[in-house]
Structures are given as C-alpha cells and as structure tokens.
Amino acid sequence: MILITGHVILTPEHGERMIAFGAEHSARSRGEPGCLAQHCHIDAVPRQAGDGSAYECLTFVEEWESVDAVRAHFALPASRAFVADMRALSPQPPAIRIYAAEDITAKLMG
C-alpha cells in the first residue's frame, strides 16, 4: 500500500475556498482506480509559526493500492490543477510525503 500525507496552510482570506477545493479533490480521488481511502481534514490544533503566530492547515491522508495508481492520480489534469490552485492561495507550497506502507494492525492488535 502507498500512504500519502500532506498539508497546506489555510489563509483567512482564502480558507473557505481552499477547504472547498480540498473536499472536491478528496471526493473526486475516491472514485479513481486504486484509491483505497482519501481524507481531507482541518487540523484541530493550530500550528505555530517561527514568529509565534498560529495558523491552520488543511491535512490530507490518502491510501493507494500501488505506485502506478498514485502516478495515474498525479497525472490527471484535475490533480495538477488542484495543486496549482492550492499553491496560488497559500503562503507556502503544499507539503507532501509518500510512503510504502504495510498494514500491521493484526500483528499489534491480534
């Protein structure tokens, strides 16, 4: 399984629009081949900037069947447009991390 985590800083002037974009992107992604899960959340606890100010983030957690499914997802015009829109509205580019993951729930909980 491929696990993707990411976040983008929400701004007061664009926050509602960014949340709508995130929700649309997640809903669209859930219908793609190989998408096991796609979640979009607003962080419950604001993060602290270096200057001590607080800011909110929109956080994404995704699960995909394979690297090929992720590549196909990133190649879609809608996915590229989503990232471009978020870059334009946020003071920093979206952060993203991609992991090869193994579900070990049964080993730990069983």
Protein backbone atom coordinates (compact mmCIF):
# COMPACT_ATOMS: atom_id res chain seq x y z
CA MET A 1 0.00 0.00 0.00
CA ILE A 2 1.11 3.56 -0.66
CA LEU A 3 0.36 6.11 2.06
CA ILE A 4 0.38 9.82 1.28
CA THR A 5 0.21 12.57 3.87
CA GLY A 6 0.19 16.27 3.16
CA HIS A 7 -0.92 19.64 4.33
CA VAL A 8 -1.42 23.17 3.08
CA ILE A 9 -1.60 26.36 5.12
CA LEU A 10 -5.04 27.94 5.16
CA THR A 11 -5.25 31.70 4.92
CA PRO A 12 -8.08 33.79 6.37
CA GLU A 13 -8.91 35.36 3.03
CA HIS A 14 -8.95 32.06 1.08
CA GLY A 15 -9.65 29.43 3.75
CA GLU A 16 -13.24 28.61 2.80
CA ARG A 17 -12.33 28.33 -0.87
CA MET A 18 -9.32 26.11 -0.06
CA ILE A 19 -11.48 23.82 2.10
CA ALA A 20 -13.98 23.51 -0.76
CA PHE A 21 -11.14 22.66 -3.18
CA GLY A 22 -9.83 20.04 -0.73
CA ALA A 23 -13.24 18.45 -0.30
CA GLU A 24 -13.81 18.34 -4.06
CA HIS A 25 -10.35 16.83 -4.63
CA SER A 26 -10.92 14.14 -2.00
CA ALA A 27 -14.35 13.21 -3.35
CA ARG A 28 -13.00 13.02 -6.89
CA SER A 29 -9.95 10.98 -5.84
CA ARG A 30 -12.09 8.40 -4.03
CA GLY A 31 -13.56 7.38 -7.38
CA GLU A 32 -10.18 6.78 -9.03
CA PRO A 33 -8.87 3.26 -9.69
CA GLY A 34 -6.56 2.16 -6.91
CA CYS A 35 -7.71 4.71 -4.33
CA LEU A 36 -8.38 2.87 -1.07
CA ALA A 37 -9.03 5.99 1.02
CA GLN A 38 -8.78 9.76 0.64
CA HIS A 39 -9.38 12.05 3.61
CA CYS A 40 -9.30 15.83 3.97
CA HIS A 41 -9.27 17.35 7.48
CA ILE A 42 -8.82 20.69 9.17
CA ASP A 43 -6.20 20.33 11.91
CA ALA A 44 -7.83 20.55 15.34
CA VAL A 45 -4.81 22.35 16.81
CA PRO A 46 -3.35 25.37 15.01
CA ARG A 47 0.37 25.13 14.24
CA GLN A 48 2.90 27.67 15.44
CA ALA A 49 4.98 29.69 13.02
CA GLY A 50 8.54 30.72 13.81
CA ASP A 51 7.32 34.17 14.86
CA GLY A 52 4.89 32.63 17.38
CA SER A 53 1.76 33.27 15.33
CA ALA A 54 -0.73 30.46 14.82
CA TYR A 55 -2.03 29.17 11.51
CA GLU A 56 -4.48 26.49 10.41
CA CYS A 57 -3.76 23.69 7.96
CA LEU A 58 -5.82 21.52 5.70
CA THR A 59 -4.44 17.99 6.09
CA PHE A 60 -4.73 15.07 3.67
CA VAL A 61 -4.30 11.35 4.32
CA GLU A 62 -4.51 9.01 1.36
CA GLU A 63 -4.15 5.24 0.84
CA TRP A 64 -3.46 3.80 -2.61
CA GLU A 65 -3.11 0.25 -3.92
CA SER A 66 0.11 0.86 -5.84
CA VAL A 67 2.72 3.27 -7.11
CA ASP A 68 1.11 3.02 -10.55
CA ALA A 69 -2.23 4.17 -9.12
CA VAL A 70 -0.50 7.15 -7.47
CA ARG A 71 1.28 8.05 -10.71
CA ALA A 72 -2.02 7.91 -12.61
CA HIS A 73 -3.63 10.11 -9.92
CA PHE A 74 -0.88 12.74 -10.12
CA ALA A 75 -1.02 12.71 -13.94
CA LEU A 76 -4.69 13.73 -14.06
CA PRO A 77 -5.32 17.34 -15.12
CA ALA A 78 -7.69 17.76 -12.16
CA SER A 79 -4.97 16.72 -9.70
CA ARG A 80 -2.43 19.08 -11.25
CA ALA A 81 -5.00 21.91 -11.20
CA PHE A 82 -5.75 21.22 -7.52
CA VAL A 83 -2.08 21.56 -6.56
CA ALA A 84 -1.71 24.71 -8.68
CA ASP A 85 -4.79 26.26 -7.06
CA MET A 86 -3.52 25.49 -3.56
CA ARG A 87 -0.08 26.91 -4.37
CA ALA A 88 -1.70 30.11 -5.59
CA LEU A 89 -3.83 30.54 -2.45
CA SER A 90 -1.39 29.53 0.29
CA PRO A 91 1.69 31.40 1.53
CA GLN A 92 3.74 28.19 1.15
CA PRO A 93 3.54 25.29 -1.32
CA PRO A 94 1.64 22.22 -0.13
CA ALA A 95 3.77 19.74 1.81
CA ILE A 96 3.56 16.10 0.74
CA ARG A 97 5.15 12.84 1.91
CA ILE A 98 4.73 9.49 0.14
CA TYR A 99 5.43 6.19 1.90
CA ALA A 100 5.40 2.50 1.03
CA ALA A 101 3.40 1.07 3.95
CA GLU A 102 2.43 -2.28 5.39
CA ASP A 103 -0.71 -2.69 7.49
CA ILE A 104 0.43 -4.35 10.74
CA THR A 105 -2.78 -3.85 12.72
CA ALA A 106 -3.41 -7.58 13.14
CA LYS A 107 0.16 -8.15 14.38
CA LEU A 108 -0.15 -5.45 17.02
CA MET A 109 -3.80 -5.82 17.99
CA GLY A 110 -4.38 -9.54 17.43
